[in-house]
Amino acid sequence: MFKSTSTSLILLGVLAIIVGILALAWPGVTVLALVILFAVYAFIDAGLQAMRAFSSGSAGPVFGHLLLGLVDVAAGVVALTWPGPTALVLVLIVASWAFTGGFFEIFAAFRGGETAGTRALFILGGLVSIAFGVVLFARPGVGAVTLALLFGLFSLIYGTSQITLGIHLRQTGQTLHSVLEDAA
């Protein structure tokens, strides 16, 4: 069991590193891939909304789900037809998320029972998120490329951690196997 799990972690890590290298080498292509991925998501969601509409017992949910399905189809078509503006909108959504999330992190720092170190980390994380959101709002064109580069860096770090975890798991499995043989 340990060997197959460790192998899958190592393969996942290698794949993540390859994706990270590609994202860093071609950030523009990465942004376009994210837009296409959003369009695919919108089309899949449109199909799911249609399924929900026709499985509903009353007319109200049918209309609502069909309307959501049409909005999803429109979003997917717009994303594929105008990928540039779609990337801009996605950057602005991430900017809004980072900005809002930063404020919530700062507010979370002041809830009861937090230690000073935890409180400081919440505040620091919140300030970094707010700053990131402001930068994305101020320069959304650069923000799209920045997001692609951050995705690439994340993939490299994640891939390295998965490979490391897989190697440690493989070593743990070998150690556990030798202990079990000695006990028998």
C-alpha atoms as a PDB file:
ATOM      1  CA  MET A   1       0.000   0.000   0.000  1.00  0.00           C
ATOM      2  CA  PHE A   2       2.782   2.426   0.929  1.00  0.00           C
ATOM      3  CA  LYS A   3       4.627   1.837  -2.335  1.00  0.00           C
ATOM      4  CA  SER A   4       1.632   2.565  -4.570  1.00  0.00           C
ATOM      5  CA  THR A   5       0.707   5.664  -2.549  1.00  0.00           C
ATOM      6  CA  SER A   6       4.276   6.925  -2.586  1.00  0.00           C
ATOM      7  CA  THR A   7       4.532   6.299  -6.324  1.00  0.00           C
ATOM      8  CA  SER A   8       1.323   8.226  -6.980  1.00  0.00           C
ATOM      9  CA  LEU A   9       2.577  11.132  -4.831  1.00  0.00           C
ATOM     10  CA  ILE A  10       5.883  11.193  -6.701  1.00  0.00           C
ATOM     11  CA  LEU A  11       4.110  11.112 -10.087  1.00  0.00           C
ATOM     12  CA  LEU A  12       1.744  13.874  -8.941  1.00  0.00           C
ATOM     13  CA  GLY A  13       4.756  15.922  -7.869  1.00  0.00           C
ATOM     14  CA  VAL A  14       6.502  15.426 -11.206  1.00  0.00           C
ATOM     15  CA  LEU A  15       3.335  16.440 -13.060  1.00  0.00           C
ATOM     16  CA  ALA A  16       2.949  19.546 -10.878  1.00  0.00           C
ATOM     17  CA  ILE A  17       6.568  20.530 -11.535  1.00  0.00           C
ATOM     18  CA  ILE A  18       6.068  20.128 -15.299  1.00  0.00           C
ATOM     19  CA  VAL A  19       2.913  22.285 -15.133  1.00  0.00           C
ATOM     20  CA  GLY A  20       4.789  24.844 -13.021  1.00  0.00           C
ATOM     21  CA  ILE A  21       7.656  25.054 -15.502  1.00  0.00           C
ATOM     22  CA  LEU A  22       5.198  25.480 -18.387  1.00  0.00           C
ATOM     23  CA  ALA A  23       3.283  28.187 -16.489  1.00  0.00           C
ATOM     24  CA  LEU A  24       6.499  30.076 -15.767  1.00  0.00           C
ATOM     25  CA  ALA A  25       7.790  29.684 -19.324  1.00  0.00           C
ATOM     26  CA  TRP A  26       4.528  30.750 -21.005  1.00  0.00           C
ATOM     27  CA  PRO A  27       2.399  32.842 -18.620  1.00  0.00           C
ATOM     28  CA  GLY A  28       0.237  34.142 -21.481  1.00  0.00           C
ATOM     29  CA  VAL A  29      -0.664  30.605 -22.496  1.00  0.00           C
ATOM     30  CA  THR A  30      -1.402  29.824 -18.853  1.00  0.00           C
ATOM     31  CA  VAL A  31      -3.859  32.726 -18.631  1.00  0.00           C
ATOM     32  CA  LEU A  32      -5.551  31.530 -21.826  1.00  0.00           C
ATOM     33  CA  ALA A  33      -5.720  27.991 -20.398  1.00  0.00           C
ATOM     34  CA  LEU A  34      -7.400  29.319 -17.248  1.00  0.00           C
ATOM     35  CA  VAL A  35      -9.957  31.171 -19.380  1.00  0.00           C
ATOM     36  CA  ILE A  36     -10.655  28.002 -21.382  1.00  0.00           C
ATOM     37  CA  LEU A  37     -10.940  26.021 -18.143  1.00  0.00           C
ATOM     38  CA  PHE A  38     -13.487  28.577 -16.909  1.00  0.00           C
ATOM     39  CA  ALA A  39     -15.466  28.160 -20.164  1.00  0.00           C
ATOM     40  CA  VAL A  40     -15.449  24.371 -19.806  1.00  0.00           C
ATOM     41  CA  TYR A  41     -16.644  24.749 -16.214  1.00  0.00           C
ATOM     42  CA  ALA A  42     -19.453  27.058 -17.366  1.00  0.00           C
ATOM     43  CA  PHE A  43     -20.603  24.572 -20.025  1.00  0.00           C
ATOM     44  CA  ILE A  44     -20.531  21.656 -17.580  1.00  0.00           C
ATOM     45  CA  ASP A  45     -22.480  23.691 -15.039  1.00  0.00           C
ATOM     46  CA  ALA A  46     -25.028  24.578 -17.735  1.00  0.00           C
ATOM     47  CA  GLY A  47     -25.603  20.870 -18.348  1.00  0.00           C
ATOM     48  CA  LEU A  48     -25.960  20.200 -14.639  1.00  0.00           C
ATOM     49  CA  GLN A  49     -28.441  23.069 -14.272  1.00  0.00           C
ATOM     50  CA  ALA A  50     -30.502  21.624 -17.125  1.00  0.00           C
ATOM     51  CA  MET A  51     -30.488  18.224 -15.417  1.00  0.00           C
ATOM     52  CA  ARG A  52     -31.630  19.823 -12.163  1.00  0.00           C
ATOM     53  CA  ALA A  53     -34.338  21.760 -13.986  1.00  0.00           C
ATOM     54  CA  PHE A  54     -35.871  18.670 -15.530  1.00  0.00           C
ATOM     55  CA  SER A  55     -35.654  16.667 -12.321  1.00  0.00           C
ATOM     56  CA  SER A  56     -37.587  19.328 -10.370  1.00  0.00           C
ATOM     57  CA  GLY A  57     -41.202  18.723  -9.447  1.00  0.00           C
ATOM     58  CA  SER A  58     -42.497  22.291  -9.760  1.00  0.00           C
ATOM     59  CA  ALA A  59     -42.284  25.038 -12.371  1.00  0.00           C
ATOM     60  CA  GLY A  60     -40.408  27.609 -10.219  1.00  0.00           C
ATOM     61  CA  PRO A  61     -37.167  25.647  -9.878  1.00  0.00           C
ATOM     62  CA  VAL A  62     -37.391  24.552 -13.523  1.00  0.00           C
ATOM     63  CA  PHE A  63     -37.372  28.148 -14.726  1.00  0.00           C
ATOM     64  CA  GLY A  64     -34.614  29.184 -12.314  1.00  0.00           C
ATOM     65  CA  HIS A  65     -32.310  26.294 -13.237  1.00  0.00           C
ATOM     66  CA  LEU A  66     -32.897  26.798 -16.955  1.00  0.00           C
ATOM     67  CA  LEU A  67     -32.123  30.501 -16.560  1.00  0.00           C
ATOM     68  CA  LEU A  68     -28.903  29.676 -14.699  1.00  0.00           C
ATOM     69  CA  GLY A  69     -28.037  27.182 -17.432  1.00  0.00           C
ATOM     70  CA  LEU A  70     -28.498  29.856 -20.103  1.00  0.00           C
ATOM     71  CA  VAL A  71     -26.316  32.280 -18.134  1.00  0.00           C
ATOM     72  CA  ASP A  72     -23.655  29.556 -17.874  1.00  0.00           C
ATOM     73  CA  VAL A  73     -23.771  28.914 -21.634  1.00  0.00           C
ATOM     74  CA  ALA A  74     -23.500  32.657 -22.295  1.00  0.00           C
ATOM     75  CA  ALA A  75     -20.533  32.939 -19.911  1.00  0.00           C
ATOM     76  CA  GLY A  76     -18.782  30.034 -21.625  1.00  0.00           C
ATOM     77  CA  VAL A  77     -19.364  31.492 -25.088  1.00  0.00           C
ATOM     78  CA  VAL A  78     -18.155  34.941 -23.982  1.00  0.00           C
ATOM     79  CA  ALA A  79     -15.041  33.389 -22.421  1.00  0.00           C
ATOM     80  CA  LEU A  80     -14.166  31.566 -25.631  1.00  0.00           C
ATOM     81  CA  THR A  81     -15.089  34.465 -27.922  1.00  0.00           C
ATOM     82  CA  TRP A  82     -13.332  37.218 -25.937  1.00  0.00           C
ATOM     83  CA  PRO A  83     -10.603  35.593 -23.826  1.00  0.00           C
ATOM     84  CA  GLY A  84      -8.839  38.914 -23.095  1.00  0.00           C
ATOM     85  CA  PRO A  85     -11.770  40.603 -21.355  1.00  0.00           C
ATOM     86  CA  THR A  86     -12.594  37.313 -19.620  1.00  0.00           C
ATOM     87  CA  ALA A  87      -9.074  37.136 -18.200  1.00  0.00           C
ATOM     88  CA  LEU A  88      -9.453  40.732 -17.021  1.00  0.00           C
ATOM     89  CA  VAL A  89     -12.718  39.900 -15.256  1.00  0.00           C
ATOM     90  CA  LEU A  90     -11.155  36.818 -13.640  1.00  0.00           C
ATOM     91  CA  VAL A  91      -8.280  38.976 -12.368  1.00  0.00           C
ATOM     92  CA  LEU A  92     -10.758  41.488 -10.935  1.00  0.00           C
ATOM     93  CA  ILE A  93     -12.653  38.666  -9.210  1.00  0.00           C
ATOM     94  CA  VAL A  94      -9.414  37.394  -7.657  1.00  0.00           C
ATOM     95  CA  ALA A  95      -8.571  40.978  -6.647  1.00  0.00           C
ATOM     96  CA  SER A  96     -11.965  41.373  -4.954  1.00  0.00           C
ATOM     97  CA  TRP A  97     -11.561  38.023  -3.226  1.00  0.00           C
ATOM     98  CA  ALA A  98      -8.054  38.872  -1.966  1.00  0.00           C
ATOM     99  CA  PHE A  99      -9.084  42.346  -0.806  1.00  0.00           C
ATOM    100  CA  THR A 100     -12.206  41.138   1.027  1.00  0.00           C
ATOM    101  CA  GLY A 101     -10.490  38.052   2.417  1.00  0.00           C
ATOM    102  CA  GLY A 102      -7.699  40.229   3.783  1.00  0.00           C
ATOM    103  CA  PHE A 103     -10.135  42.274   5.824  1.00  0.00           C
ATOM    104  CA  PHE A 104     -11.747  39.127   7.195  1.00  0.00           C
ATOM    105  CA  GLU A 105      -8.322  37.790   8.182  1.00  0.00           C
ATOM    106  CA  ILE A 106      -7.580  41.007  10.067  1.00  0.00           C
ATOM    107  CA  PHE A 107     -10.954  40.825  11.823  1.00  0.00           C
ATOM    108  CA  ALA A 108     -10.286  37.163  12.671  1.00  0.00           C
ATOM    109  CA  ALA A 109      -7.089  38.231  14.432  1.00  0.00           C
ATOM    110  CA  PHE A 110      -9.128  40.025  17.068  1.00  0.00           C
ATOM    111  CA  ARG A 111     -11.479  37.220  18.006  1.00  0.00           C
ATOM    112  CA  GLY A 112     -11.093  35.919  21.519  1.00  0.00           C
ATOM    113  CA  GLY A 113      -8.582  33.317  22.548  1.00  0.00           C
ATOM    114  CA  GLU A 114      -5.885  33.950  19.941  1.00  0.00           C
ATOM    115  CA  THR A 115      -2.274  34.094  21.048  1.00  0.00           C
ATOM    116  CA  ALA A 116      -0.165  37.100  20.111  1.00  0.00           C
ATOM    117  CA  GLY A 117       1.762  35.088  17.505  1.00  0.00           C
ATOM    118  CA  THR A 118      -1.409  33.783  15.862  1.00  0.00           C
ATOM    119  CA  ARG A 119      -2.924  37.251  15.938  1.00  0.00           C
ATOM    120  CA  ALA A 120       0.188  38.695  14.255  1.00  0.00           C
ATOM    121  CA  LEU A 121       0.091  36.034  11.524  1.00  0.00           C
ATOM    122  CA  PHE A 122      -3.598  36.742  10.840  1.00  0.00           C
ATOM    123  CA  ILE A 123      -2.880  40.474  10.590  1.00  0.00           C
ATOM    124  CA  LEU A 124       0.168  39.944   8.374  1.00  0.00           C
ATOM    125  CA  GLY A 125      -1.720  37.551   6.107  1.00  0.00           C
ATOM    126  CA  GLY A 126      -4.623  39.982   5.894  1.00  0.00           C
ATOM    127  CA  LEU A 127      -2.371  42.906   5.009  1.00  0.00           C
ATOM    128  CA  VAL A 128      -0.608  40.870   2.315  1.00  0.00           C
ATOM    129  CA  SER A 129      -3.983  39.816   0.859  1.00  0.00           C
ATOM    130  CA  ILE A 130      -5.233  43.414   0.851  1.00  0.00           C
ATOM    131  CA  ALA A 131      -2.015  44.618  -0.801  1.00  0.00           C
ATOM    132  CA  PHE A 132      -2.273  41.862  -3.416  1.00  0.00           C
ATOM    133  CA  GLY A 133      -5.874  42.846  -4.144  1.00  0.00           C
ATOM    134  CA  VAL A 134      -4.924  46.513  -4.495  1.00  0.00           C
ATOM    135  CA  VAL A 135      -2.090  45.662  -6.895  1.00  0.00           C
ATOM    136  CA  LEU A 136      -4.406  43.520  -9.019  1.00  0.00           C
ATOM    137  CA  PHE A 137      -7.027  46.291  -9.109  1.00  0.00           C
ATOM    138  CA  ALA A 138      -4.393  48.883 -10.025  1.00  0.00           C
ATOM    139  CA  ARG A 139      -2.732  46.833 -12.789  1.00  0.00           C
ATOM    140  CA  PRO A 140      -5.138  44.080 -13.941  1.00  0.00           C
ATOM    141  CA  GLY A 141      -3.245  43.435 -17.190  1.00  0.00           C
ATOM    142  CA  VAL A 142      -0.058  42.768 -15.293  1.00  0.00           C
ATOM    143  CA  GLY A 143      -2.171  40.947 -12.710  1.00  0.00           C
ATOM    144  CA  ALA A 144      -3.165  38.227 -15.182  1.00  0.00           C
ATOM    145  CA  VAL A 145       0.469  37.439 -15.944  1.00  0.00           C
ATOM    146  CA  THR A 146       1.315  37.701 -12.238  1.00  0.00           C
ATOM    147  CA  LEU A 147      -1.406  35.183 -11.407  1.00  0.00           C
ATOM    148  CA  ALA A 148      -0.022  32.822 -14.040  1.00  0.00           C
ATOM    149  CA  LEU A 149       3.486  33.196 -12.598  1.00  0.00           C
ATOM    150  CA  LEU A 150       2.214  32.669  -9.037  1.00  0.00           C
ATOM    151  CA  PHE A 151       0.376  29.573 -10.240  1.00  0.00           C
ATOM    152  CA  GLY A 152       3.635  28.335 -11.753  1.00  0.00           C
ATOM    153  CA  LEU A 153       5.567  28.958  -8.539  1.00  0.00           C
ATOM    154  CA  PHE A 154       2.843  27.283  -6.495  1.00  0.00           C
ATOM    155  CA  SER A 155       2.944  24.263  -8.808  1.00  0.00           C
ATOM    156  CA  LEU A 156       6.719  23.980  -8.426  1.00  0.00           C
ATOM    157  CA  ILE A 157       6.526  24.191  -4.629  1.00  0.00           C
ATOM    158  CA  TYR A 158       3.564  21.809  -4.463  1.00  0.00           C
ATOM    159  CA  GLY A 159       5.279  19.341  -6.804  1.00  0.00           C
ATOM    160  CA  THR A 160       8.462  19.391  -4.753  1.00  0.00           C
ATOM    161  CA  SER A 161       6.503  18.812  -1.540  1.00  0.00           C
ATOM    162  CA  GLN A 162       4.610  15.880  -3.082  1.00  0.00           C
ATOM    163  CA  ILE A 163       7.815  14.253  -4.311  1.00  0.00           C
ATOM    164  CA  THR A 164       9.391  14.739  -0.873  1.00  0.00           C
ATOM    165  CA  LEU A 165       6.312  13.290   0.824  1.00  0.00           C
ATOM    166  CA  GLY A 166       6.299  10.333  -1.579  1.00  0.00           C
ATOM    167  CA  ILE A 167       9.962   9.589  -0.895  1.00  0.00           C
ATOM    168  CA  HIS A 168       9.441   9.812   2.870  1.00  0.00           C
ATOM    169  CA  LEU A 169       6.378   7.600   2.634  1.00  0.00           C
ATOM    170  CA  ARG A 170       8.331   5.050   0.615  1.00  0.00           C
ATOM    171  CA  GLN A 171      11.113   5.077   3.241  1.00  0.00           C
ATOM    172  CA  THR A 172       8.523   4.756   6.025  1.00  0.00           C
ATOM    173  CA  GLY A 173       6.938   1.810   4.224  1.00  0.00           C
ATOM    174  CA  GLN A 174      10.322   0.086   3.906  1.00  0.00           C
ATOM    175  CA  THR A 175      11.041   0.713   7.591  1.00  0.00           C
ATOM    176  CA  LEU A 176       7.606  -0.580   8.596  1.00  0.00           C
ATOM    177  CA  HIS A 177       8.069  -3.647   6.362  1.00  0.00           C
ATOM    178  CA  SER A 178      11.450  -4.488   7.934  1.00  0.00           C
ATOM    179  CA  VAL A 179      10.030  -4.035  11.484  1.00  0.00           C
ATOM    180  CA  LEU A 180       7.125  -6.370  10.676  1.00  0.00           C
ATOM    181  CA  GLU A 181       9.516  -8.990   9.237  1.00  0.00           C
ATOM    182  CA  ASP A 182      11.704  -8.797  12.357  1.00  0.00           C
ATOM    183  CA  ALA A 183       8.644  -9.185  14.598  1.00  0.00           C
ATOM    184  CA  ALA A 184       7.539 -12.315  12.733  1.00  0.00           C
END
